[in-house]
Amino acid sequence: MNFTELVRGFVVENFLFGDDSRISNDASFLENGIIDSTGVLELIEYLEKTFTIRVEDEEVIPENLDSLKNISRYLESKQAGNGASLCAQ
């Protein structure tokens, strides 16, 4: 499953209004003004619903959620930790 492309689609649609020219896999959402603190909450809700995971409070850190690359790595680690495949719904 390509987590990066799924999350990219959500971010572009919901925060960049269809303009994907401002986002690369390594672009920091906060530093580049792509997502603000309220947007982080929306992103977490999307991740939890789409990938049937629970984002714990201590996991809400830039290393997990501040770029497409970080989110993809985070989702892969959640998948490995769960012992089952994450499925996009």
N, C-alpha and C. Protein backbone atom coordinates (compact mmCIF):
# COMPACT_ATOMS: atom_id res chain seq x y z
N MET A 1 0.85 -1.18 0.00
CA MET A 1 0.00 0.00 0.00
C MET A 1 0.90 1.24 0.00
N ASN A 2 0.55 2.21 -0.80
CA ASN A 2 1.33 3.44 -0.87
C ASN A 2 0.71 4.50 0.05
N PHE A 3 1.17 4.51 1.30
CA PHE A 3 0.65 5.45 2.28
C PHE A 3 0.87 6.90 1.82
N THR A 4 2.04 7.15 1.25
CA THR A 4 2.39 8.52 0.85
C THR A 4 1.37 9.09 -0.11
N GLU A 5 1.00 8.36 -1.12
CA GLU A 5 0.07 8.88 -2.13
C GLU A 5 -1.33 9.07 -1.57
N LEU A 6 -1.77 8.17 -0.70
CA LEU A 6 -3.08 8.32 -0.08
C LEU A 6 -3.14 9.57 0.79
N VAL A 7 -2.12 9.76 1.61
CA VAL A 7 -2.10 10.93 2.51
C VAL A 7 -1.89 12.20 1.69
N ARG A 8 -1.06 12.14 0.65
CA ARG A 8 -0.85 13.30 -0.22
C ARG A 8 -2.20 13.77 -0.79
N GLY A 9 -3.00 12.84 -1.27
CA GLY A 9 -4.31 13.19 -1.82
C GLY A 9 -5.17 13.91 -0.81
N PHE A 10 -5.17 13.44 0.43
CA PHE A 10 -5.95 14.08 1.48
C PHE A 10 -5.44 15.49 1.77
N VAL A 11 -4.14 15.63 1.90
CA VAL A 11 -3.54 16.93 2.23
C VAL A 11 -3.79 17.93 1.10
N VAL A 12 -3.56 17.52 -0.13
CA VAL A 12 -3.75 18.42 -1.27
C VAL A 12 -5.21 18.84 -1.36
N GLU A 13 -6.12 17.92 -1.20
CA GLU A 13 -7.55 18.23 -1.32
C GLU A 13 -8.05 19.11 -0.19
N ASN A 14 -7.61 18.83 1.04
CA ASN A 14 -8.17 19.50 2.21
C ASN A 14 -7.42 20.74 2.68
N PHE A 15 -6.14 20.84 2.37
CA PHE A 15 -5.35 21.96 2.88
C PHE A 15 -4.74 22.82 1.78
N LEU A 16 -4.57 22.27 0.59
CA LEU A 16 -3.94 23.01 -0.50
C LEU A 16 -4.90 23.28 -1.65
N PHE A 17 -6.16 22.93 -1.45
CA PHE A 17 -7.22 23.21 -2.42
C PHE A 17 -6.86 22.75 -3.83
N GLY A 18 -6.28 21.56 -3.90
CA GLY A 18 -5.97 20.95 -5.19
C GLY A 18 -4.63 21.33 -5.78
N ASP A 19 -3.89 22.26 -5.14
CA ASP A 19 -2.60 22.72 -5.65
C ASP A 19 -1.47 21.89 -5.02
N ASP A 20 -0.99 20.89 -5.75
CA ASP A 20 0.04 20.03 -5.19
C ASP A 20 1.46 20.53 -5.44
N SER A 21 1.60 21.73 -5.97
CA SER A 21 2.94 22.27 -6.26
C SER A 21 3.71 22.65 -4.99
N ARG A 22 3.02 22.81 -3.86
CA ARG A 22 3.67 23.25 -2.61
C ARG A 22 4.12 22.10 -1.73
N ILE A 23 3.92 20.88 -2.18
CA ILE A 23 4.21 19.77 -1.28
C ILE A 23 5.13 18.74 -1.93
N SER A 24 6.16 18.40 -1.19
CA SER A 24 7.04 17.29 -1.58
C SER A 24 7.00 16.29 -0.43
N ASN A 25 7.55 15.14 -0.62
CA ASN A 25 7.50 14.12 0.42
C ASN A 25 8.20 14.55 1.71
N ASP A 26 9.22 15.42 1.59
CA ASP A 26 9.99 15.86 2.75
C ASP A 26 9.55 17.20 3.32
N ALA A 27 8.60 17.88 2.67
CA ALA A 27 8.20 19.21 3.10
C ALA A 27 7.53 19.17 4.47
N SER A 28 8.03 20.00 5.38
CA SER A 28 7.43 20.12 6.71
C SER A 28 6.09 20.84 6.57
N PHE A 29 5.03 20.20 7.06
CA PHE A 29 3.71 20.81 6.99
C PHE A 29 3.65 22.12 7.76
N LEU A 30 4.22 22.14 8.95
CA LEU A 30 4.15 23.34 9.79
C LEU A 30 5.05 24.45 9.28
N GLU A 31 6.31 24.13 8.96
CA GLU A 31 7.25 25.14 8.49
C GLU A 31 6.82 25.77 7.17
N ASN A 32 6.14 25.02 6.33
CA ASN A 32 5.71 25.52 5.02
C ASN A 32 4.28 26.04 5.03
N GLY A 33 3.65 26.12 6.19
CA GLY A 33 2.30 26.66 6.29
C GLY A 33 1.26 25.81 5.60
N ILE A 34 1.52 24.52 5.46
CA ILE A 34 0.58 23.63 4.78
C ILE A 34 -0.54 23.23 5.74
N ILE A 35 -0.18 22.91 6.97
CA ILE A 35 -1.14 22.50 7.99
C ILE A 35 -0.83 23.25 9.28
N ASP A 36 -1.88 23.77 9.92
CA ASP A 36 -1.70 24.42 11.22
C ASP A 36 -2.12 23.44 12.32
N SER A 37 -2.17 23.91 13.55
CA SER A 37 -2.46 23.01 14.67
C SER A 37 -3.85 22.38 14.56
N THR A 38 -4.82 23.11 14.07
CA THR A 38 -6.15 22.55 13.86
C THR A 38 -6.11 21.51 12.75
N GLY A 39 -5.33 21.78 11.72
CA GLY A 39 -5.18 20.83 10.63
C GLY A 39 -4.57 19.53 11.07
N VAL A 40 -3.68 19.58 12.06
CA VAL A 40 -3.07 18.36 12.59
C VAL A 40 -4.17 17.46 13.16
N LEU A 41 -5.13 18.06 13.84
CA LEU A 41 -6.24 17.28 14.39
C LEU A 41 -7.06 16.63 13.28
N GLU A 42 -7.31 17.38 12.21
CA GLU A 42 -8.02 16.82 11.05
C GLU A 42 -7.22 15.69 10.42
N LEU A 43 -5.92 15.86 10.30
CA LEU A 43 -5.05 14.84 9.75
C LEU A 43 -5.10 13.57 10.60
N ILE A 44 -5.04 13.72 11.91
CA ILE A 44 -5.10 12.57 12.81
C ILE A 44 -6.43 11.84 12.64
N GLU A 45 -7.51 12.59 12.56
CA GLU A 45 -8.83 11.96 12.36
C GLU A 45 -8.85 11.17 11.05
N TYR A 46 -8.30 11.74 10.00
CA TYR A 46 -8.22 11.06 8.71
C TYR A 46 -7.41 9.77 8.83
N LEU A 47 -6.24 9.84 9.44
CA LEU A 47 -5.38 8.66 9.58
C LEU A 47 -6.08 7.56 10.38
N GLU A 48 -6.73 7.95 11.46
CA GLU A 48 -7.40 6.95 12.29
C GLU A 48 -8.55 6.26 11.55
N LYS A 49 -9.33 7.04 10.83
CA LYS A 49 -10.47 6.46 10.10
C LYS A 49 -10.02 5.68 8.87
N THR A 50 -9.09 6.22 8.13
CA THR A 50 -8.68 5.60 6.87
C THR A 50 -7.89 4.32 7.09
N PHE A 51 -7.00 4.33 8.07
CA PHE A 51 -6.10 3.20 8.27
C PHE A 51 -6.44 2.38 9.51
N THR A 52 -7.61 2.65 10.09
CA THR A 52 -8.10 1.95 11.29
C THR A 52 -7.00 1.77 12.34
N ILE A 53 -6.43 2.91 12.73
CA ILE A 53 -5.40 2.92 13.78
C ILE A 53 -5.83 3.88 14.87
N ARG A 54 -5.11 3.88 15.95
CA ARG A 54 -5.29 4.85 17.02
C ARG A 54 -3.98 5.61 17.14
N VAL A 55 -4.03 6.92 16.95
CA VAL A 55 -2.86 7.77 17.14
C VAL A 55 -2.86 8.20 18.60
N GLU A 56 -1.91 7.68 19.34
CA GLU A 56 -1.82 7.98 20.78
C GLU A 56 -1.27 9.38 20.97
N ASP A 57 -1.62 10.01 22.09
CA ASP A 57 -1.19 11.38 22.37
C ASP A 57 0.33 11.52 22.26
N GLU A 58 1.07 10.55 22.79
CA GLU A 58 2.53 10.65 22.77
C GLU A 58 3.10 10.46 21.36
N GLU A 59 2.29 10.03 20.41
CA GLU A 59 2.74 9.84 19.03
C GLU A 59 2.53 11.10 18.18
N VAL A 60 1.87 12.10 18.73
CA VAL A 60 1.60 13.35 18.01
C VAL A 60 2.83 14.25 18.14
N ILE A 61 3.84 13.91 17.33
CA ILE A 61 5.10 14.64 17.32
C ILE A 61 5.52 14.84 15.86
N PRO A 62 6.31 15.86 15.58
CA PRO A 62 6.73 16.12 14.20
C PRO A 62 7.40 14.92 13.53
N GLU A 63 8.14 14.14 14.29
CA GLU A 63 8.83 12.99 13.72
C GLU A 63 7.85 11.98 13.12
N ASN A 64 6.59 12.02 13.55
CA ASN A 64 5.57 11.12 13.02
C ASN A 64 4.63 11.77 12.01
N LEU A 65 4.35 13.07 12.17
CA LEU A 65 3.22 13.65 11.44
C LEU A 65 3.51 14.93 10.66
N ASP A 66 4.77 15.36 10.56
CA ASP A 66 5.04 16.67 9.97
C ASP A 66 5.45 16.64 8.50
N SER A 67 5.38 15.51 7.85
CA SER A 67 5.64 15.45 6.40
C SER A 67 5.05 14.15 5.87
N LEU A 68 4.92 14.08 4.58
CA LEU A 68 4.42 12.85 3.96
C LEU A 68 5.36 11.69 4.26
N LYS A 69 6.65 11.95 4.20
CA LYS A 69 7.65 10.91 4.47
C LYS A 69 7.53 10.41 5.91
N ASN A 70 7.39 11.34 6.85
CA ASN A 70 7.27 10.96 8.26
C ASN A 70 5.99 10.16 8.51
N ILE A 71 4.90 10.59 7.90
CA ILE A 71 3.63 9.88 8.09
C ILE A 71 3.71 8.48 7.51
N SER A 72 4.30 8.34 6.34
CA SER A 72 4.43 7.03 5.73
C SER A 72 5.26 6.10 6.62
N ARG A 73 6.35 6.60 7.15
CA ARG A 73 7.19 5.81 8.05
C ARG A 73 6.42 5.45 9.32
N TYR A 74 5.66 6.41 9.84
CA TYR A 74 4.84 6.18 11.03
C TYR A 74 3.79 5.09 10.78
N LEU A 75 3.10 5.17 9.64
CA LEU A 75 2.08 4.17 9.32
C LEU A 75 2.70 2.79 9.13
N GLU A 76 3.87 2.75 8.53
CA GLU A 76 4.56 1.47 8.37
C GLU A 76 4.92 0.87 9.74
N SER A 77 5.34 1.72 10.67
CA SER A 77 5.69 1.22 12.00
C SER A 77 4.43 0.76 12.75
N LYS A 78 3.32 1.46 12.55
CA LYS A 78 2.06 1.04 13.18
C LYS A 78 1.64 -0.31 12.61
N GLN A 79 1.80 -0.47 11.33
CA GLN A 79 1.45 -1.73 10.68
C GLN A 79 2.30 -2.86 11.25
N ALA A 80 3.58 -2.65 11.36
CA ALA A 80 4.48 -3.67 11.89
C ALA A 80 4.16 -3.99 13.35
N GLY A 81 3.82 -2.96 14.12
CA GLY A 81 3.50 -3.15 15.52
C GLY A 81 2.19 -3.86 15.75
N ASN A 82 1.25 -3.68 14.84
CA ASN A 82 -0.06 -4.31 14.98
C ASN A 82 -0.04 -5.79 14.61
N GLY A 83 0.95 -6.18 13.80
CA GLY A 83 1.02 -7.55 13.35
C GLY A 83 -0.01 -7.89 12.29
N ALA A 84 -0.74 -6.89 11.84
CA ALA A 84 -1.74 -7.10 10.79
C ALA A 84 -1.64 -5.96 9.80
N SER A 85 -2.16 -6.17 8.65
CA SER A 85 -2.11 -5.14 7.61
C SER A 85 -3.07 -4.02 7.92
N LEU A 86 -2.62 -2.80 7.69
CA LEU A 86 -3.52 -1.66 7.73
C LEU A 86 -4.30 -1.66 6.44
N CYS A 87 -5.54 -1.29 6.50
CA CYS A 87 -6.30 -1.25 5.24
C CYS A 87 -6.96 0.11 5.12
N ALA A 88 -6.82 0.71 3.97
CA ALA A 88 -7.49 1.97 3.70
C ALA A 88 -8.95 1.67 3.46
N GLN A 89 -9.80 2.48 4.05
CA GLN A 89 -11.24 2.26 3.90
C GLN A 89 -11.84 3.31 3.02
